[in-house]
Amino acid sequence: DMSVFCWGTGNNGELGLGQETKQKLEPFTCDGFNGQRIKQVACGEQHSLCLAELGDVFAWGRGREGQLGNGVQLQAQQVPKRVWTLRDQRIQQIATGYYHNLAINHLGEVFEWGKLHKYLTDTKEGSKEYFGAAIRLEGMNQSSSSQSAQDIVARSTYSYFSGSDDHSKSDSEILESQSLYNFAQFIEYNQSTPKKITSFPFSHKILSISAGYSFSLAVDDLGQMF
């Protein structure tokens, strides 16, 4: 019946019991989804998301970084609650990082919330901030031999972002290129409601998402990775 089962530590409401239960050693049914069938579960460091068949997203657990998506930064949310700001989005897939979340809607648009990063750059008019600065990973998109791909992975972030096999660059040149390729000047902030990422190429539809400790990945309908 596509029920959700939870167990483990519950210091920040991770178990969704509605009470401060510190630990459960055996799986138990987690309720609170308005009778909807759950098709996907994603877990962060101390919070969880569920995606229902109708596209509704539910969140519970730690909320100090805004990862509950309800517009406030709560210490903890003890029971699953719907992320109402996504109610019109028909969400198709979710992903969780350490303290942040991603969601794709039926149009292939990506939303992000929780502990995020802005890109800060200097212009003639002063400093400028960019939210959700998605970078196409040229080194992962190019067609090449397996040995060439291994060389790219081994050659630091420069190779990922530029797609170059030029091993003649010095360490200082590599550091400079990281700044040029949108990697060096990030600042942390907490986003307590889902916000659409607008930096993907126009008309590209995102098909898959994944999230790590403090980074995210996306693949579009052309097989390009960001």
C-alpha atoms as a PDB file:
ATOM      1  CA  ASP A   1       0.000   0.000   0.000  1.00  0.00           C
ATOM      2  CA  MET A   2       3.084   2.270  -0.323  1.00  0.00           C
ATOM      3  CA  SER A   3       3.256   3.062   3.398  1.00  0.00           C
ATOM      4  CA  VAL A   4       6.265   4.765   4.993  1.00  0.00           C
ATOM      5  CA  PHE A   5       8.205   3.079   7.781  1.00  0.00           C
ATOM      6  CA  CYS A   6      10.640   4.901  10.076  1.00  0.00           C
ATOM      7  CA  TRP A   7      13.160   3.857  12.705  1.00  0.00           C
ATOM      8  CA  GLY A   8      16.408   5.054  14.286  1.00  0.00           C
ATOM      9  CA  THR A   9      17.212   8.248  16.203  1.00  0.00           C
ATOM     10  CA  GLY A  10      14.564  10.940  16.660  1.00  0.00           C
ATOM     11  CA  ASN A  11      16.240  13.799  18.507  1.00  0.00           C
ATOM     12  CA  ASN A  12      14.928  16.397  16.027  1.00  0.00           C
ATOM     13  CA  GLY A  13      11.593  14.882  15.065  1.00  0.00           C
ATOM     14  CA  GLU A  14      13.093  12.637  12.374  1.00  0.00           C
ATOM     15  CA  LEU A  15      10.729   9.778  13.272  1.00  0.00           C
ATOM     16  CA  GLY A  16       7.582  11.800  12.600  1.00  0.00           C
ATOM     17  CA  LEU A  17       5.804  10.471  15.712  1.00  0.00           C
ATOM     18  CA  GLY A  18       4.356  13.733  16.936  1.00  0.00           C
ATOM     19  CA  GLN A  19       6.228  13.474  20.217  1.00  0.00           C
ATOM     20  CA  GLU A  20       9.840  13.736  21.325  1.00  0.00           C
ATOM     21  CA  THR A  21      10.825  10.114  20.864  1.00  0.00           C
ATOM     22  CA  LYS A  22      14.594   9.742  21.079  1.00  0.00           C
ATOM     23  CA  GLN A  23      14.906   6.326  19.471  1.00  0.00           C
ATOM     24  CA  LYS A  24      13.024   3.497  17.744  1.00  0.00           C
ATOM     25  CA  LEU A  25      14.871   0.221  17.197  1.00  0.00           C
ATOM     26  CA  GLU A  26      12.204  -1.378  15.005  1.00  0.00           C
ATOM     27  CA  PRO A  27      10.359  -0.062  11.930  1.00  0.00           C
ATOM     28  CA  PHE A  28       6.931   1.466  12.509  1.00  0.00           C
ATOM     29  CA  THR A  29       4.389   3.110  10.211  1.00  0.00           C
ATOM     30  CA  CYS A  30       4.710   6.868   9.817  1.00  0.00           C
ATOM     31  CA  ASP A  31       1.324   8.559   9.245  1.00  0.00           C
ATOM     32  CA  GLY A  32       0.320  12.112   8.481  1.00  0.00           C
ATOM     33  CA  PHE A  33       0.127  12.044   4.665  1.00  0.00           C
ATOM     34  CA  ASN A  34      -3.627  12.708   4.399  1.00  0.00           C
ATOM     35  CA  GLY A  35      -4.251   9.171   3.198  1.00  0.00           C
ATOM     36  CA  GLN A  36      -2.092   9.611   0.087  1.00  0.00           C
ATOM     37  CA  ARG A  37       0.101   6.866  -1.347  1.00  0.00           C
ATOM     38  CA  ILE A  38       3.808   7.712  -1.070  1.00  0.00           C
ATOM     39  CA  LYS A  39       6.001   7.024  -4.097  1.00  0.00           C
ATOM     40  CA  GLN A  40       9.373   8.453  -2.992  1.00  0.00           C
ATOM     41  CA  VAL A  41      11.229   9.095   0.272  1.00  0.00           C
ATOM     42  CA  ALA A  42      14.417  11.182   0.666  1.00  0.00           C
ATOM     43  CA  CYS A  43      16.415  11.722   3.870  1.00  0.00           C
ATOM     44  CA  GLY A  44      18.822  14.484   4.839  1.00  0.00           C
ATOM     45  CA  GLU A  45      21.008  14.740   7.921  1.00  0.00           C
ATOM     46  CA  GLN A  46      18.114  15.176  10.385  1.00  0.00           C
ATOM     47  CA  HIS A  47      15.066  15.770   8.169  1.00  0.00           C
ATOM     48  CA  SER A  48      13.039  13.811   5.639  1.00  0.00           C
ATOM     49  CA  LEU A  49      10.825  14.429   2.609  1.00  0.00           C
ATOM     50  CA  CYS A  50       8.090  12.291   1.095  1.00  0.00           C
ATOM     51  CA  LEU A  51       6.526  12.647  -2.345  1.00  0.00           C
ATOM     52  CA  ALA A  52       2.926  11.489  -2.780  1.00  0.00           C
ATOM     53  CA  GLU A  53       1.469  10.084  -5.998  1.00  0.00           C
ATOM     54  CA  LEU A  54      -0.505  13.291  -6.593  1.00  0.00           C
ATOM     55  CA  GLY A  55       2.674  15.405  -6.425  1.00  0.00           C
ATOM     56  CA  ASP A  56       2.347  16.700  -2.863  1.00  0.00           C
ATOM     57  CA  VAL A  57       5.579  17.031  -0.827  1.00  0.00           C
ATOM     58  CA  PHE A  58       5.702  16.427   2.942  1.00  0.00           C
ATOM     59  CA  ALA A  59       8.561  17.367   5.304  1.00  0.00           C
ATOM     60  CA  TRP A  60       9.458  16.734   8.930  1.00  0.00           C
ATOM     61  CA  GLY A  61      12.450  16.747  11.292  1.00  0.00           C
ATOM     62  CA  ARG A  62      15.069  19.463  11.740  1.00  0.00           C
ATOM     63  CA  GLY A  63      14.161  22.888  10.358  1.00  0.00           C
ATOM     64  CA  ARG A  64      16.773  25.347  11.600  1.00  0.00           C
ATOM     65  CA  GLU A  65      18.151  25.895   8.101  1.00  0.00           C
ATOM     66  CA  GLY A  66      14.751  26.269   6.432  1.00  0.00           C
ATOM     67  CA  GLN A  67      14.695  22.720   5.027  1.00  0.00           C
ATOM     68  CA  LEU A  68      11.024  22.198   6.011  1.00  0.00           C
ATOM     69  CA  GLY A  69       9.980  24.698   3.344  1.00  0.00           C
ATOM     70  CA  ASN A  70       7.270  26.348   5.465  1.00  0.00           C
ATOM     71  CA  GLY A  71       8.661  29.884   5.535  1.00  0.00           C
ATOM     72  CA  VAL A  72      10.137  29.740   9.039  1.00  0.00           C
ATOM     73  CA  GLN A  73      13.246  28.209  10.600  1.00  0.00           C
ATOM     74  CA  LEU A  74      11.921  25.825  13.248  1.00  0.00           C
ATOM     75  CA  GLN A  75      14.055  23.881  15.680  1.00  0.00           C
ATOM     76  CA  ALA A  76      12.153  20.744  14.690  1.00  0.00           C
ATOM     77  CA  GLN A  77       8.860  19.570  13.217  1.00  0.00           C
ATOM     78  CA  GLN A  78       7.634  16.413  14.917  1.00  0.00           C
ATOM     79  CA  VAL A  79       5.099  15.229  12.309  1.00  0.00           C
ATOM     80  CA  PRO A  80       4.994  15.254   8.488  1.00  0.00           C
ATOM     81  CA  LYS A  81       3.455  18.433   7.107  1.00  0.00           C
ATOM     82  CA  ARG A  82       2.783  19.367   3.510  1.00  0.00           C
ATOM     83  CA  VAL A  83       5.089  21.931   1.858  1.00  0.00           C
ATOM     84  CA  TRP A  84       2.269  24.247   0.846  1.00  0.00           C
ATOM     85  CA  THR A  85       4.359  26.543  -1.330  1.00  0.00           C
ATOM     86  CA  LEU A  86       4.718  23.643  -3.808  1.00  0.00           C
ATOM     87  CA  ARG A  87       0.989  22.853  -3.912  1.00  0.00           C
ATOM     88  CA  ASP A  88       0.558  24.035  -7.542  1.00  0.00           C
ATOM     89  CA  GLN A  89       3.753  22.496  -8.935  1.00  0.00           C
ATOM     90  CA  ARG A  90       2.882  18.801  -9.543  1.00  0.00           C
ATOM     91  CA  ILE A  91       6.239  17.618  -8.214  1.00  0.00           C
ATOM     92  CA  GLN A  92       7.697  14.544  -9.948  1.00  0.00           C
ATOM     93  CA  GLN A  93      10.934  13.902  -8.015  1.00  0.00           C
ATOM     94  CA  ILE A  94      12.626  15.016  -4.765  1.00  0.00           C
ATOM     95  CA  ALA A  95      16.174  14.893  -3.413  1.00  0.00           C
ATOM     96  CA  THR A  96      17.769  15.868  -0.097  1.00  0.00           C
ATOM     97  CA  GLY A  97      21.249  17.024   0.783  1.00  0.00           C
ATOM     98  CA  TYR A  98      22.669  17.483   4.261  1.00  0.00           C
ATOM     99  CA  TYR A  99      20.543  20.548   5.057  1.00  0.00           C
ATOM    100  CA  HIS A 100      18.873  21.333   1.702  1.00  0.00           C
ATOM    101  CA  ASN A 101      16.302  19.931  -0.711  1.00  0.00           C
ATOM    102  CA  LEU A 102      15.505  19.811  -4.425  1.00  0.00           C
ATOM    103  CA  ALA A 103      12.270  19.127  -6.279  1.00  0.00           C
ATOM    104  CA  ILE A 104      11.370  18.816  -9.997  1.00  0.00           C
ATOM    105  CA  ASN A 105       7.907  19.683 -11.279  1.00  0.00           C
ATOM    106  CA  HIS A 106       6.113  18.285 -14.341  1.00  0.00           C
ATOM    107  CA  LEU A 107       7.673  20.985 -16.561  1.00  0.00           C
ATOM    108  CA  GLY A 108      11.227  19.996 -15.639  1.00  0.00           C
ATOM    109  CA  GLU A 109      11.730  23.079 -13.456  1.00  0.00           C
ATOM    110  CA  VAL A 110      13.846  22.695 -10.298  1.00  0.00           C
ATOM    111  CA  PHE A 111      13.100  24.185  -6.882  1.00  0.00           C
ATOM    112  CA  GLU A 112      15.609  24.416  -4.038  1.00  0.00           C
ATOM    113  CA  TRP A 113      15.375  25.314  -0.339  1.00  0.00           C
ATOM    114  CA  GLY A 114      17.209  24.917   2.983  1.00  0.00           C
ATOM    115  CA  LYS A 115      20.851  25.806   3.555  1.00  0.00           C
ATOM    116  CA  LEU A 116      22.004  27.101   0.170  1.00  0.00           C
ATOM    117  CA  HIS A 117      24.779  29.142  -1.410  1.00  0.00           C
ATOM    118  CA  LYS A 118      24.765  32.327  -3.463  1.00  0.00           C
ATOM    119  CA  TYR A 119      27.460  33.220  -5.946  1.00  0.00           C
ATOM    120  CA  LEU A 120      28.987  36.633  -5.268  1.00  0.00           C
ATOM    121  CA  THR A 121      30.870  38.468  -7.996  1.00  0.00           C
ATOM    122  CA  ASP A 122      32.207  41.993  -8.426  1.00  0.00           C
ATOM    123  CA  THR A 123      31.036  44.167 -11.309  1.00  0.00           C
ATOM    124  CA  LYS A 124      31.550  47.802 -12.296  1.00  0.00           C
ATOM    125  CA  GLU A 125      28.278  48.576 -10.556  1.00  0.00           C
ATOM    126  CA  GLY A 126      29.382  46.776  -7.370  1.00  0.00           C
ATOM    127  CA  SER A 127      28.868  43.304  -5.952  1.00  0.00           C
ATOM    128  CA  LYS A 128      26.185  41.142  -7.544  1.00  0.00           C
ATOM    129  CA  GLU A 129      24.576  37.985  -6.180  1.00  0.00           C
ATOM    130  CA  TYR A 130      23.375  35.012  -8.223  1.00  0.00           C
ATOM    131  CA  PHE A 131      21.015  32.425  -6.747  1.00  0.00           C
ATOM    132  CA  GLY A 132      21.230  28.790  -7.905  1.00  0.00           C
ATOM    133  CA  ALA A 133      24.198  29.316 -10.215  1.00  0.00           C
ATOM    134  CA  ALA A 134      23.976  26.052 -12.188  1.00  0.00           C
ATOM    135  CA  ILE A 135      27.173  25.229 -14.065  1.00  0.00           C
ATOM    136  CA  ARG A 136      27.299  22.905 -17.046  1.00  0.00           C
ATOM    137  CA  LEU A 137      29.979  20.268 -16.354  1.00  0.00           C
ATOM    138  CA  GLU A 138      31.640  20.226 -19.761  1.00  0.00           C
ATOM    139  CA  GLY A 139      34.153  17.616 -18.713  1.00  0.00           C
ATOM    140  CA  MET A 140      31.343  15.181 -17.897  1.00  0.00           C
ATOM    141  CA  ASN A 141      29.408  15.881 -21.106  1.00  0.00           C
ATOM    142  CA  GLN A 142      32.081  15.448 -23.725  1.00  0.00           C
ATOM    143  CA  SER A 143      32.439  12.174 -25.616  1.00  0.00           C
ATOM    144  CA  SER A 144      35.888  10.752 -24.936  1.00  0.00           C
ATOM    145  CA  SER A 145      37.745   7.568 -24.196  1.00  0.00           C
ATOM    146  CA  SER A 146      37.474   6.056 -20.730  1.00  0.00           C
ATOM    147  CA  GLN A 147      41.118   6.930 -20.057  1.00  0.00           C
ATOM    148  CA  SER A 148      40.484  10.545 -20.996  1.00  0.00           C
ATOM    149  CA  ALA A 149      37.487  10.633 -18.673  1.00  0.00           C
ATOM    150  CA  GLN A 150      39.609   9.261 -15.819  1.00  0.00           C
ATOM    151  CA  ASP A 151      42.220  11.942 -16.505  1.00  0.00           C
ATOM    152  CA  ILE A 152      39.543  14.625 -16.310  1.00  0.00           C
ATOM    153  CA  VAL A 153      38.318  13.388 -12.944  1.00  0.00           C
ATOM    154  CA  ALA A 154      41.875  13.276 -11.630  1.00  0.00           C
ATOM    155  CA  ARG A 155      42.704  16.810 -12.731  1.00  0.00           C
ATOM    156  CA  SER A 156      40.772  18.852 -10.157  1.00  0.00           C
ATOM    157  CA  THR A 157      37.706  20.988 -10.631  1.00  0.00           C
ATOM    158  CA  TYR A 158      39.291  22.822 -13.564  1.00  0.00           C
ATOM    159  CA  SER A 159      38.784  19.807 -15.799  1.00  0.00           C
ATOM    160  CA  TYR A 160      35.204  19.329 -14.674  1.00  0.00           C
ATOM    161  CA  PHE A 161      34.171  22.884 -15.453  1.00  0.00           C
ATOM    162  CA  SER A 162      36.201  23.558 -18.598  1.00  0.00           C
ATOM    163  CA  GLY A 163      36.287  20.086 -20.178  1.00  0.00           C
ATOM    164  CA  SER A 164      39.985  20.583 -20.891  1.00  0.00           C
ATOM    165  CA  ASP A 165      42.630  17.864 -21.033  1.00  0.00           C
ATOM    166  CA  ASP A 166      45.431  20.434 -20.867  1.00  0.00           C
ATOM    167  CA  HIS A 167      47.711  19.171 -18.068  1.00  0.00           C
ATOM    168  CA  SER A 168      50.262  21.938 -18.601  1.00  0.00           C
ATOM    169  CA  LYS A 169      48.449  24.457 -16.388  1.00  0.00           C
ATOM    170  CA  SER A 170      50.077  25.517 -13.132  1.00  0.00           C
ATOM    171  CA  ASP A 171      48.341  25.364  -9.754  1.00  0.00           C
ATOM    172  CA  SER A 172      47.833  29.148  -9.790  1.00  0.00           C
ATOM    173  CA  GLU A 173      46.213  28.980 -13.234  1.00  0.00           C
ATOM    174  CA  ILE A 174      43.906  26.221 -12.023  1.00  0.00           C
ATOM    175  CA  LEU A 175      42.881  28.305  -8.990  1.00  0.00           C
ATOM    176  CA  GLU A 176      42.191  31.264 -11.258  1.00  0.00           C
ATOM    177  CA  SER A 177      40.075  29.111 -13.579  1.00  0.00           C
ATOM    178  CA  GLN A 178      37.999  27.887 -10.648  1.00  0.00           C
ATOM    179  CA  SER A 179      37.039  31.485  -9.944  1.00  0.00           C
ATOM    180  CA  LEU A 180      36.227  32.079 -13.603  1.00  0.00           C
ATOM    181  CA  TYR A 181      34.069  28.977 -13.723  1.00  0.00           C
ATOM    182  CA  ASN A 182      31.820  30.063 -10.853  1.00  0.00           C
ATOM    183  CA  PHE A 183      33.396  27.966  -8.101  1.00  0.00           C
ATOM    184  CA  ALA A 184      35.204  30.284  -5.720  1.00  0.00           C
ATOM    185  CA  GLN A 185      32.980  33.030  -4.317  1.00  0.00           C
ATOM    186  CA  PHE A 186      29.991  31.418  -2.611  1.00  0.00           C
ATOM    187  CA  ILE A 187      28.214  32.623   0.535  1.00  0.00           C
ATOM    188  CA  GLU A 188      25.892  30.539   2.710  1.00  0.00           C
ATOM    189  CA  TYR A 189      22.322  31.521   3.527  1.00  0.00           C
ATOM    190  CA  ASN A 190      19.074  29.841   4.600  1.00  0.00           C
ATOM    191  CA  GLN A 191      16.118  29.726   2.199  1.00  0.00           C
ATOM    192  CA  SER A 192      12.973  28.740   4.114  1.00  0.00           C
ATOM    193  CA  THR A 193      10.615  28.397   1.121  1.00  0.00           C
ATOM    194  CA  PRO A 194      11.194  26.594  -2.201  1.00  0.00           C
ATOM    195  CA  LYS A 195      12.611  28.857  -4.900  1.00  0.00           C
ATOM    196  CA  LYS A 196      12.891  28.067  -8.610  1.00  0.00           C
ATOM    197  CA  ILE A 197      16.388  27.836 -10.091  1.00  0.00           C
ATOM    198  CA  THR A 198      16.444  29.978 -13.237  1.00  0.00           C
ATOM    199  CA  SER A 199      20.054  29.534 -14.350  1.00  0.00           C
ATOM    200  CA  PHE A 200      19.559  26.382 -16.442  1.00  0.00           C
ATOM    201  CA  PRO A 201      19.681  26.933 -20.231  1.00  0.00           C
ATOM    202  CA  PHE A 202      16.395  28.189 -21.654  1.00  0.00           C
ATOM    203  CA  SER A 203      14.001  25.452 -22.869  1.00  0.00           C
ATOM    204  CA  HIS A 204      16.054  22.662 -21.244  1.00  0.00           C
ATOM    205  CA  LYS A 205      13.938  20.251 -19.209  1.00  0.00           C
ATOM    206  CA  ILE A 206      15.554  18.753 -16.112  1.00  0.00           C
ATOM    207  CA  LEU A 207      14.830  15.028 -15.818  1.00  0.00           C
ATOM    208  CA  SER A 208      16.824  13.950 -12.760  1.00  0.00           C
ATOM    209  CA  ILE A 209      18.275  15.535  -9.616  1.00  0.00           C
ATOM    210  CA  SER A 210      20.596  14.485  -6.816  1.00  0.00           C
ATOM    211  CA  ALA A 211      21.997  16.243  -3.750  1.00  0.00           C
ATOM    212  CA  GLY A 212      25.111  15.797  -1.613  1.00  0.00           C
ATOM    213  CA  TYR A 213      26.496  17.418   1.527  1.00  0.00           C
ATOM    214  CA  SER A 214      26.422  20.971   0.167  1.00  0.00           C
ATOM    215  CA  PHE A 215      26.115  20.538  -3.593  1.00  0.00           C
ATOM    216  CA  SER A 216      23.505  19.449  -6.117  1.00  0.00           C
ATOM    217  CA  LEU A 217      23.489  17.770  -9.538  1.00  0.00           C
ATOM    218  CA  ALA A 218      20.935  17.790 -12.339  1.00  0.00           C
ATOM    219  CA  VAL A 219      20.655  16.090 -15.739  1.00  0.00           C
ATOM    220  CA  ASP A 220      18.539  17.563 -18.545  1.00  0.00           C
ATOM    221  CA  ASP A 221      16.684  16.023 -21.486  1.00  0.00           C
ATOM    222  CA  LEU A 222      19.811  16.292 -23.665  1.00  0.00           C
ATOM    223  CA  GLY A 223      21.904  14.282 -21.223  1.00  0.00           C
ATOM    224  CA  GLN A 224      23.857  17.324 -20.033  1.00  0.00           C
ATOM    225  CA  MET A 225      24.957  17.458 -16.399  1.00  0.00           C
ATOM    226  CA  PHE A 226      24.918  20.580 -14.210  1.00  0.00           C
END
